[in-house]
Amino acid sequence: MVGLSGWPAIVLGLIALDLVIYGQHAMFHAVPIFWRLHKVHHTDLDVDVTTGVRFHPAEVILSMGIKMAVVLVLALPSLPCSCSR
């Protein structure tokens, strides 16, 4: 949206998306109603491979909505393909 294209737009877009995801995670810890959803992720007594996918379904839907909105607002370009047809 600022007139960048190619790799600079992709790198800045990924940094912006990562910052939004960090802010979302902080919000899920700070806001009580979101914490009620997010604490499902923190109830795992043994941290293992399943801990990374243990989320309340409502949190997954809300989280994906936030991420999709950011991608649409930032108008991130797709990765260039170097494959031949």
PDB file of N, CA and C in Angstrom:
ATOM      1  N   MET A   1       0.809  -1.196   0.000  1.00  0.00           N
ATOM      2  CA  MET A   1       0.000   0.000   0.000  1.00  0.00           C
ATOM      3  C   MET A   1       0.855   1.263   0.000  1.00  0.00           C
ATOM      4  N   VAL A   2       2.124   1.142   0.301  1.00  0.00           N
ATOM      5  CA  VAL A   2       2.997   2.313   0.285  1.00  0.00           C
ATOM      6  C   VAL A   2       3.802   2.386  -1.002  1.00  0.00           C
ATOM      7  N   GLY A   3       3.454   1.605  -1.981  1.00  0.00           N
ATOM      8  CA  GLY A   3       4.106   1.663  -3.265  1.00  0.00           C
ATOM      9  C   GLY A   3       5.283   0.716  -3.418  1.00  0.00           C
ATOM     10  N   LEU A   4       5.516  -0.143  -2.458  1.00  0.00           N
ATOM     11  CA  LEU A   4       6.596  -1.115  -2.568  1.00  0.00           C
ATOM     12  C   LEU A   4       6.126  -2.322  -3.356  1.00  0.00           C
ATOM     13  N   SER A   5       7.061  -2.958  -4.005  1.00  0.00           N
ATOM     14  CA  SER A   5       6.722  -4.198  -4.696  1.00  0.00           C
ATOM     15  C   SER A   5       7.872  -5.178  -4.540  1.00  0.00           C
ATOM     16  N   GLY A   6       7.612  -6.418  -4.866  1.00  0.00           N
ATOM     17  CA  GLY A   6       8.642  -7.443  -4.800  1.00  0.00           C
ATOM     18  C   GLY A   6       9.056  -7.783  -3.382  1.00  0.00           C
ATOM     19  N   TRP A   7      10.331  -8.125  -3.238  1.00  0.00           N
ATOM     20  CA  TRP A   7      10.835  -8.603  -1.943  1.00  0.00           C
ATOM     21  C   TRP A   7      10.745  -7.582  -0.811  1.00  0.00           C
ATOM     22  N   PRO A   8      10.999  -6.275  -1.036  1.00  0.00           N
ATOM     23  CA  PRO A   8      10.829  -5.330   0.084  1.00  0.00           C
ATOM     24  C   PRO A   8       9.404  -5.343   0.646  1.00  0.00           C
ATOM     25  N   ALA A   9       8.417  -5.426  -0.239  1.00  0.00           N
ATOM     26  CA  ALA A   9       7.018  -5.467   0.218  1.00  0.00           C
ATOM     27  C   ALA A   9       6.749  -6.748   0.989  1.00  0.00           C
ATOM     28  N   ILE A  10       7.317  -7.850   0.527  1.00  0.00           N
ATOM     29  CA  ILE A  10       7.099  -9.126   1.197  1.00  0.00           C
ATOM     30  C   ILE A  10       7.736  -9.111   2.587  1.00  0.00           C
ATOM     31  N   VAL A  11       8.978  -8.629   2.672  1.00  0.00           N
ATOM     32  CA  VAL A  11       9.682  -8.595   3.965  1.00  0.00           C
ATOM     33  C   VAL A  11       8.964  -7.672   4.944  1.00  0.00           C
ATOM     34  N   LEU A  12       8.627  -6.459   4.503  1.00  0.00           N
ATOM     35  CA  LEU A  12       7.912  -5.536   5.394  1.00  0.00           C
ATOM     36  C   LEU A  12       6.524  -6.054   5.763  1.00  0.00           C
ATOM     37  N   GLY A  13       5.870  -6.710   4.824  1.00  0.00           N
ATOM     38  CA  GLY A  13       4.563  -7.297   5.111  1.00  0.00           C
ATOM     39  C   GLY A  13       4.643  -8.397   6.155  1.00  0.00           C
ATOM     40  N   LEU A  14       5.666  -9.247   6.044  1.00  0.00           N
ATOM     41  CA  LEU A  14       5.833 -10.317   7.033  1.00  0.00           C
ATOM     42  C   LEU A  14       6.149  -9.757   8.413  1.00  0.00           C
ATOM     43  N   ILE A  15       6.981  -8.702   8.458  1.00  0.00           N
ATOM     44  CA  ILE A  15       7.283  -8.067   9.750  1.00  0.00           C
ATOM     45  C   ILE A  15       6.015  -7.465  10.349  1.00  0.00           C
ATOM     46  N   ALA A  16       5.223  -6.776   9.519  1.00  0.00           N
ATOM     47  CA  ALA A  16       3.975  -6.180  10.011  1.00  0.00           C
ATOM     48  C   ALA A  16       3.008  -7.253  10.499  1.00  0.00           C
ATOM     49  N   LEU A  17       2.877  -8.335   9.747  1.00  0.00           N
ATOM     50  CA  LEU A  17       1.981  -9.423  10.149  1.00  0.00           C
ATOM     51  C   LEU A  17       2.455 -10.050  11.451  1.00  0.00           C
ATOM     52  N   ASP A  18       3.759 -10.227  11.598  1.00  0.00           N
ATOM     53  CA  ASP A  18       4.308 -10.794  12.827  1.00  0.00           C
ATOM     54  C   ASP A  18       4.028  -9.883  14.023  1.00  0.00           C
ATOM     55  N   LEU A  19       4.149  -8.572  13.835  1.00  0.00           N
ATOM     56  CA  LEU A  19       3.849  -7.635  14.919  1.00  0.00           C
ATOM     57  C   LEU A  19       2.376  -7.688  15.311  1.00  0.00           C
ATOM     58  N   VAL A  20       1.501  -7.823  14.329  1.00  0.00           N
ATOM     59  CA  VAL A  20       0.066  -7.932  14.627  1.00  0.00           C
ATOM     60  C   VAL A  20      -0.218  -9.220  15.397  1.00  0.00           C
ATOM     61  N   ILE A  21       0.416 -10.314  14.990  1.00  0.00           N
ATOM     62  CA  ILE A  21       0.218 -11.594  15.682  1.00  0.00           C
ATOM     63  C   ILE A  21       0.729 -11.503  17.123  1.00  0.00           C
ATOM     64  N   TYR A  22       1.863 -10.823  17.326  1.00  0.00           N
ATOM     65  CA  TYR A  22       2.372 -10.621  18.683  1.00  0.00           C
ATOM     66  C   TYR A  22       1.380  -9.798  19.510  1.00  0.00           C
ATOM     67  N   GLY A  23       0.871  -8.715  18.910  1.00  0.00           N
ATOM     68  CA  GLY A  23      -0.107  -7.884  19.615  1.00  0.00           C
ATOM     69  C   GLY A  23      -1.378  -8.653  19.937  1.00  0.00           C
ATOM     70  N   GLN A  24      -1.803  -9.501  19.010  1.00  0.00           N
ATOM     71  CA  GLN A  24      -2.982 -10.333  19.250  1.00  0.00           C
ATOM     72  C   GLN A  24      -2.735 -11.274  20.427  1.00  0.00           C
ATOM     73  N   HIS A  25      -1.569 -11.873  20.467  1.00  0.00           N
ATOM     74  CA  HIS A  25      -1.246 -12.796  21.556  1.00  0.00           C
ATOM     75  C   HIS A  25      -1.219 -12.061  22.894  1.00  0.00           C
ATOM     76  N   ALA A  26      -0.632 -10.867  22.903  1.00  0.00           N
ATOM     77  CA  ALA A  26      -0.620 -10.063  24.131  1.00  0.00           C
ATOM     78  C   ALA A  26      -2.043  -9.716  24.560  1.00  0.00           C
ATOM     79  N   MET A  27      -2.902  -9.394  23.589  1.00  0.00           N
ATOM     80  CA  MET A  27      -4.300  -9.077  23.885  1.00  0.00           C
ATOM     81  C   MET A  27      -5.015 -10.290  24.488  1.00  0.00           C
ATOM     82  N   PHE A  28      -4.735 -11.481  23.955  1.00  0.00           N
ATOM     83  CA  PHE A  28      -5.380 -12.683  24.484  1.00  0.00           C
ATOM     84  C   PHE A  28      -4.955 -12.969  25.917  1.00  0.00           C
ATOM     85  N   HIS A  29      -3.800 -12.485  26.327  1.00  0.00           N
ATOM     86  CA  HIS A  29      -3.365 -12.642  27.709  1.00  0.00           C
ATOM     87  C   HIS A  29      -3.914 -11.544  28.608  1.00  0.00           C
ATOM     88  N   ALA A  30      -4.150 -10.350  28.056  1.00  0.00           N
ATOM     89  CA  ALA A  30      -4.506  -9.189  28.870  1.00  0.00           C
ATOM     90  C   ALA A  30      -6.005  -8.981  29.057  1.00  0.00           C
ATOM     91  N   VAL A  31      -6.810  -9.349  28.079  1.00  0.00           N
ATOM     92  CA  VAL A  31      -8.254  -9.093  28.136  1.00  0.00           C
ATOM     93  C   VAL A  31      -8.948 -10.347  28.679  1.00  0.00           C
ATOM     94  N   PRO A  32      -9.652 -10.215  29.806  1.00  0.00           N
ATOM     95  CA  PRO A  32     -10.212 -11.401  30.471  1.00  0.00           C
ATOM     96  C   PRO A  32     -11.064 -12.312  29.581  1.00  0.00           C
ATOM     97  N   ILE A  33     -11.923 -11.750  28.738  1.00  0.00           N
ATOM     98  CA  ILE A  33     -12.779 -12.618  27.923  1.00  0.00           C
ATOM     99  C   ILE A  33     -11.951 -13.402  26.898  1.00  0.00           C
ATOM    100  N   PHE A  34     -10.892 -12.777  26.368  1.00  0.00           N
ATOM    101  CA  PHE A  34     -10.025 -13.487  25.437  1.00  0.00           C
ATOM    102  C   PHE A  34      -9.139 -14.491  26.166  1.00  0.00           C
ATOM    103  N   TRP A  35      -8.748 -14.136  27.405  1.00  0.00           N
ATOM    104  CA  TRP A  35      -7.937 -15.062  28.199  1.00  0.00           C
ATOM    105  C   TRP A  35      -8.695 -16.363  28.467  1.00  0.00           C
ATOM    106  N   ARG A  36     -10.015 -16.261  28.671  1.00  0.00           N
ATOM    107  CA  ARG A  36     -10.809 -17.473  28.906  1.00  0.00           C
ATOM    108  C   ARG A  36     -10.718 -18.432  27.731  1.00  0.00           C
ATOM    109  N   LEU A  37     -10.624 -17.888  26.518  1.00  0.00           N
ATOM    110  CA  LEU A  37     -10.454 -18.732  25.338  1.00  0.00           C
ATOM    111  C   LEU A  37      -9.011 -19.235  25.226  1.00  0.00           C
ATOM    112  N   HIS A  38      -8.074 -18.339  25.472  1.00  0.00           N
ATOM    113  CA  HIS A  38      -6.657 -18.646  25.240  1.00  0.00           C
ATOM    114  C   HIS A  38      -6.065 -19.583  26.288  1.00  0.00           C
ATOM    115  N   LYS A  39      -6.636 -19.580  27.500  1.00  0.00           N
ATOM    116  CA  LYS A  39      -6.031 -20.403  28.547  1.00  0.00           C
ATOM    117  C   LYS A  39      -6.141 -21.902  28.260  1.00  0.00           C
ATOM    118  N   VAL A  40      -6.986 -22.285  27.313  1.00  0.00           N
ATOM    119  CA  VAL A  40      -7.026 -23.688  26.874  1.00  0.00           C
ATOM    120  C   VAL A  40      -5.638 -24.106  26.391  1.00  0.00           C
ATOM    121  N   HIS A  41      -4.964 -23.190  25.710  1.00  0.00           N
ATOM    122  CA  HIS A  41      -3.618 -23.444  25.198  1.00  0.00           C
ATOM    123  C   HIS A  41      -2.619 -23.634  26.336  1.00  0.00           C
ATOM    124  N   HIS A  42      -2.859 -22.994  27.470  1.00  0.00           N
ATOM    125  CA  HIS A  42      -1.922 -23.030  28.592  1.00  0.00           C
ATOM    126  C   HIS A  42      -2.261 -24.106  29.635  1.00  0.00           C
ATOM    127  N   THR A  43      -3.306 -24.871  29.418  1.00  0.00           N
ATOM    128  CA  THR A  43      -3.680 -25.885  30.405  1.00  0.00           C
ATOM    129  C   THR A  43      -2.906 -27.185  30.254  1.00  0.00           C
ATOM    130  N   ASP A  44      -2.147 -27.316  29.187  1.00  0.00           N
ATOM    131  CA  ASP A  44      -1.375 -28.537  28.945  1.00  0.00           C
ATOM    132  C   ASP A  44      -0.289 -28.667  30.010  1.00  0.00           C
ATOM    133  N   LEU A  45      -0.341 -29.723  30.804  1.00  0.00           N
ATOM    134  CA  LEU A  45       0.643 -29.917  31.869  1.00  0.00           C
ATOM    135  C   LEU A  45       1.993 -30.370  31.338  1.00  0.00           C
ATOM    136  N   ASP A  46       1.989 -31.095  30.241  1.00  0.00           N
ATOM    137  CA  ASP A  46       3.225 -31.547  29.614  1.00  0.00           C
ATOM    138  C   ASP A  46       3.380 -30.838  28.281  1.00  0.00           C
ATOM    139  N   VAL A  47       4.348 -29.916  28.211  1.00  0.00           N
ATOM    140  CA  VAL A  47       4.562 -29.189  26.965  1.00  0.00           C
ATOM    141  C   VAL A  47       5.210 -30.140  25.966  1.00  0.00           C
ATOM    142  N   ASP A  48       4.467 -30.410  24.895  1.00  0.00           N
ATOM    143  CA  ASP A  48       4.965 -31.289  23.840  1.00  0.00           C
ATOM    144  C   ASP A  48       4.431 -30.787  22.505  1.00  0.00           C
ATOM    145  N   VAL A  49       4.510 -31.607  21.493  1.00  0.00           N
ATOM    146  CA  VAL A  49       4.115 -31.186  20.152  1.00  0.00           C
ATOM    147  C   VAL A  49       2.637 -30.805  20.072  1.00  0.00           C
ATOM    148  N   THR A  50       1.796 -31.377  20.907  1.00  0.00           N
ATOM    149  CA  THR A  50       0.360 -31.067  20.845  1.00  0.00           C
ATOM    150  C   THR A  50       0.034 -29.709  21.463  1.00  0.00           C
ATOM    151  N   THR A  51       0.925 -29.163  22.288  1.00  0.00           N
ATOM    152  CA  THR A  51       0.672 -27.874  22.930  1.00  0.00           C
ATOM    153  C   THR A  51       0.498 -26.770  21.894  1.00  0.00           C
ATOM    154  N   GLY A  52       1.229 -26.848  20.795  1.00  0.00           N
ATOM    155  CA  GLY A  52       1.166 -25.821  19.763  1.00  0.00           C
ATOM    156  C   GLY A  52      -0.120 -25.809  18.969  1.00  0.00           C
ATOM    157  N   VAL A  53      -0.922 -26.856  19.085  1.00  0.00           N
ATOM    158  CA  VAL A  53      -2.184 -26.912  18.340  1.00  0.00           C
ATOM    159  C   VAL A  53      -3.405 -26.997  19.265  1.00  0.00           C
ATOM    160  N   ARG A  54      -3.186 -26.795  20.548  1.00  0.00           N
ATOM    161  CA  ARG A  54      -4.277 -26.891  21.524  1.00  0.00           C
ATOM    162  C   ARG A  54      -4.886 -25.505  21.738  1.00  0.00           C
ATOM    163  N   PHE A  55      -5.956 -25.208  21.010  1.00  0.00           N
ATOM    164  CA  PHE A  55      -6.621 -23.910  21.107  1.00  0.00           C
ATOM    165  C   PHE A  55      -8.125 -24.107  21.131  1.00  0.00           C
ATOM    166  N   HIS A  56      -8.822 -23.172  21.765  1.00  0.00           N
ATOM    167  CA  HIS A  56     -10.277 -23.161  21.755  1.00  0.00           C
ATOM    168  C   HIS A  56     -10.730 -22.846  20.328  1.00  0.00           C
ATOM    169  N   PRO A  57     -11.752 -23.534  19.827  1.00  0.00           N
ATOM    170  CA  PRO A  57     -12.208 -23.281  18.447  1.00  0.00           C
ATOM    171  C   PRO A  57     -12.574 -21.819  18.186  1.00  0.00           C
ATOM    172  N   ALA A  58     -13.157 -21.150  19.166  1.00  0.00           N
ATOM    173  CA  ALA A  58     -13.507 -19.734  18.981  1.00  0.00           C
ATOM    174  C   ALA A  58     -12.252 -18.882  18.849  1.00  0.00           C
ATOM    175  N   GLU A  59     -11.182 -19.243  19.554  1.00  0.00           N
ATOM    176  CA  GLU A  59      -9.927 -18.501  19.420  1.00  0.00           C
ATOM    177  C   GLU A  59      -9.337 -18.689  18.028  1.00  0.00           C
ATOM    178  N   VAL A  60      -9.429 -19.887  17.502  1.00  0.00           N
ATOM    179  CA  VAL A  60      -8.908 -20.153  16.159  1.00  0.00           C
ATOM    180  C   VAL A  60      -9.656 -19.306  15.126  1.00  0.00           C
ATOM    181  N   ILE A  61     -10.974 -19.252  15.228  1.00  0.00           N
ATOM    182  CA  ILE A  61     -11.778 -18.475  14.277  1.00  0.00           C
ATOM    183  C   ILE A  61     -11.455 -16.989  14.393  1.00  0.00           C
ATOM    184  N   LEU A  62     -11.392 -16.477  15.618  1.00  0.00           N
ATOM    185  CA  LEU A  62     -11.075 -15.071  15.830  1.00  0.00           C
ATOM    186  C   LEU A  62      -9.671 -14.745  15.330  1.00  0.00           C
ATOM    187  N   SER A  63      -8.724 -15.600  15.640  1.00  0.00           N
ATOM    188  CA  SER A  63      -7.343 -15.399  15.228  1.00  0.00           C
ATOM    189  C   SER A  63      -7.200 -15.393  13.709  1.00  0.00           C
ATOM    190  N   MET A  64      -7.855 -16.315  13.039  1.00  0.00           N
ATOM    191  CA  MET A  64      -7.783 -16.359  11.575  1.00  0.00           C
ATOM    192  C   MET A  64      -8.444 -15.124  10.964  1.00  0.00           C
ATOM    193  N   GLY A  65      -9.520 -14.662  11.557  1.00  0.00           N
ATOM    194  CA  GLY A  65     -10.170 -13.443  11.070  1.00  0.00           C
ATOM    195  C   GLY A  65      -9.256 -12.233  11.165  1.00  0.00           C
ATOM    196  N   ILE A  66      -8.536 -12.120  12.281  1.00  0.00           N
ATOM    197  CA  ILE A  66      -7.591 -11.011  12.458  1.00  0.00           C
ATOM    198  C   ILE A  66      -6.487 -11.099  11.410  1.00  0.00           C
ATOM    199  N   LYS A  67      -5.925 -12.278  11.225  1.00  0.00           N
ATOM    200  CA  LYS A  67      -4.832 -12.453  10.257  1.00  0.00           C
ATOM    201  C   LYS A  67      -5.302 -12.171   8.827  1.00  0.00           C
ATOM    202  N   MET A  68      -6.479 -12.650   8.467  1.00  0.00           N
ATOM    203  CA  MET A  68      -6.988 -12.402   7.119  1.00  0.00           C
ATOM    204  C   MET A  68      -7.248 -10.915   6.895  1.00  0.00           C
ATOM    205  N   ALA A  69      -7.761 -10.229   7.908  1.00  0.00           N
ATOM    206  CA  ALA A  69      -8.004  -8.793   7.786  1.00  0.00           C
ATOM    207  C   ALA A  69      -6.700  -8.033   7.573  1.00  0.00           C
ATOM    208  N   VAL A  70      -5.656  -8.413   8.288  1.00  0.00           N
ATOM    209  CA  VAL A  70      -4.359  -7.745   8.136  1.00  0.00           C
ATOM    210  C   VAL A  70      -3.800  -7.970   6.735  1.00  0.00           C
ATOM    211  N   VAL A  71      -3.896  -9.189   6.235  1.00  0.00           N
ATOM    212  CA  VAL A  71      -3.402  -9.478   4.884  1.00  0.00           C
ATOM    213  C   VAL A  71      -4.171  -8.648   3.858  1.00  0.00           C
ATOM    214  N   LEU A  72      -5.479  -8.514   4.022  1.00  0.00           N
ATOM    215  CA  LEU A  72      -6.273  -7.713   3.095  1.00  0.00           C
ATOM    216  C   LEU A  72      -5.940  -6.225   3.199  1.00  0.00           C
ATOM    217  N   VAL A  73      -5.782  -5.722   4.414  1.00  0.00           N
ATOM    218  CA  VAL A  73      -5.483  -4.304   4.608  1.00  0.00           C
ATOM    219  C   VAL A  73      -4.098  -3.963   4.061  1.00  0.00           C
ATOM    220  N   LEU A  74      -3.115  -4.834   4.313  1.00  0.00           N
ATOM    221  CA  LEU A  74      -1.758  -4.566   3.837  1.00  0.00           C
ATOM    222  C   LEU A  74      -1.592  -4.847   2.354  1.00  0.00           C
ATOM    223  N   ALA A  75      -2.531  -5.561   1.752  1.00  0.00           N
ATOM    224  CA  ALA A  75      -2.464  -5.921   0.330  1.00  0.00           C
ATOM    225  C   ALA A  75      -1.114  -6.563   0.009  1.00  0.00           C
ATOM    226  N   LEU A  76      -0.750  -7.571   0.791  1.00  0.00           N
ATOM    227  CA  LEU A  76       0.545  -8.217   0.619  1.00  0.00           C
ATOM    228  C   LEU A  76       0.635  -8.921  -0.736  1.00  0.00           C
ATOM    229  N   PRO A  77       1.772  -8.764  -1.415  1.00  0.00           N
ATOM    230  CA  PRO A  77       1.932  -9.460  -2.693  1.00  0.00           C
ATOM    231  C   PRO A  77       2.215 -10.946  -2.462  1.00  0.00           C
ATOM    232  N   SER A  78       1.946 -11.741  -3.461  1.00  0.00           N
ATOM    233  CA  SER A  78       2.273 -13.160  -3.350  1.00  0.00           C
ATOM    234  C   SER A  78       3.751 -13.352  -3.651  1.00  0.00           C
ATOM    235  N   LEU A  79       4.296 -14.464  -3.197  1.00  0.00           N
ATOM    236  CA  LEU A  79       5.693 -14.753  -3.458  1.00  0.00           C
ATOM    237  C   LEU A  79       5.902 -14.999  -4.954  1.00  0.00           C
ATOM    238  N   PRO A  80       6.986 -14.473  -5.502  1.00  0.00           N
ATOM    239  CA  PRO A  80       7.242 -14.722  -6.921  1.00  0.00           C
ATOM    240  C   PRO A  80       7.567 -16.197  -7.158  1.00  0.00           C
ATOM    241  N   CYS A  81       7.090 -16.721  -8.252  1.00  0.00           N
ATOM    242  CA  CYS A  81       7.329 -18.116  -8.590  1.00  0.00           C
ATOM    243  C   CYS A  81       8.406 -18.206  -9.657  1.00  0.00           C
ATOM    244  N   SER A  82       9.423 -19.019  -9.385  1.00  0.00           N
ATOM    245  CA  SER A  82      10.494 -19.194 -10.371  1.00  0.00           C
ATOM    246  C   SER A  82      10.350 -20.524 -11.099  1.00  0.00           C
ATOM    247  N   CYS A  83       9.161 -21.122 -10.983  1.00  0.00           N
ATOM    248  CA  CYS A  83       8.947 -22.416 -11.630  1.00  0.00           C
ATOM    249  C   CYS A  83       8.591 -22.212 -13.110  1.00  0.00           C
ATOM    250  N   SER A  84       8.989 -23.174 -13.912  1.00  0.00           N
ATOM    251  CA  SER A  84       8.672 -23.088 -15.330  1.00  0.00           C
ATOM    252  C   SER A  84       7.503 -24.023 -15.632  1.00  0.00           C
ATOM    253  N   ARG A  85       6.731 -23.670 -16.614  1.00  0.00           N
ATOM    254  CA  ARG A  85       5.559 -24.483 -16.950  1.00  0.00           C
ATOM    255  C   ARG A  85       5.806 -25.277 -18.167  1.00  0.00           C
TER     256      ARG A  85
END
